[in-house]
Amino acid sequence: MAQEIPVYLFTGFLDSGKTKFIQETFEDERFNSGENTLLLVCEEGEEEYDPSLFVHNCVYIQVIHAPEELTPQYLEKLRKEHKCQRVVVEYNGMWLLNDFYNNMPPKWVVAQEFFFADANTILTYNANMRNLVGDKLASCELVVFNRFKEGTDEMPYHQLVRNFTPRADIAYEAPDGSVRYDDIVDPLPFDVDAPVIEIGERAFAQWYRDLSERMEIYGGKTVSLKGLAVDKRGLKNTEFIFGRNIMTCCVDDMQFAGLVGVVSGKPRPKNKSWVQITADISLMYHDVYGRMGPILKIREIAPCEAPEQEVATFY
């Protein structure tokens, strides 16, 4: 069986500190202990690599000029030419990550993904190119805000990351190189311990994400919220799909987030109608999920107006 090839993915915009970090990583014996490594450089900024400073001369640099070059055949050809056991990617901030994900050769597996940002410019990038920022933040494990000056308010940067991912660690690196990790605790916009958990119109996305990640704490809970009722082929006549469209960063990534609802002694709601429900959550297997998942056992249901913002977001 072919061995998996670990991929270390570094994302961010031009002059965000990616090259400097990767250079220092290859100068460190703990990472660069002699394994043949393919370094794919998809963006060339002012700073350049100096291989003479690498602790081992086993890093093979290949510049990728356009996303069209990212084909499984070409990438694997590059790796095999140098018998590389791992891959490091300095990715272009203006390219969508799916261009890389969808073209990784078989057995290439992302081992770690980091996002680098210049604290002086990232908020402007987000204001003008939110889709590209969110594209990189959504799947990263660590966000590093470089050139973070003392006294700068951390909250806008924290919120920027949390709008796209609840999991990534956040580090603030000062101009002198000292690093502080984010310790801001985000309260949920609803009370999970209330007798009936009231989910406001603007809290659906946060609730759905929390339900997906901590499903076990919601078993036996009762919730009240507004959503769209949708018919789905194959469901029983007492079942429907309840949910809302969720947008993470742009229209292109909008997806319907649905849960199985079950009515008993009440008429099933009309297809594509907005309803307000109160429901008990049971955790059990259902074919819609293909695994155990949350089933909304409807206590109360009534037609309602659509939310002011029909598409749910995290911000």
Foldseek 3Di string as FASTA:
>chain_A
DDAFAEEEEEEEAAPLCPQVVVLVQQLDCVNPVPFQEEEEEADDHPDDHDCVNGPDNRYHYDYDDDLVCLAQVNVVVVCVVSVGRYYYYYHHLVDFCCSNVVHHHPSYDHPAYEYGGALVCVVVCCVVPVVSVLSRLQPHAEYEHEQQAPPDDCVVVVLSNVLRYPHHWYWYAHPVGDIDTDDDDDDQPWDLPDQEIEQDPQRQVVVLVCCVVPVVSQAFHKYKDKFWWAADPPDDQQKTWTFAWEDSGDPVPIDTRTAIEGEDPDHRDDHGFMKIFIFRWHWDDDVVVNGTHTYTYTPDMDGDDADPDRHHGSD
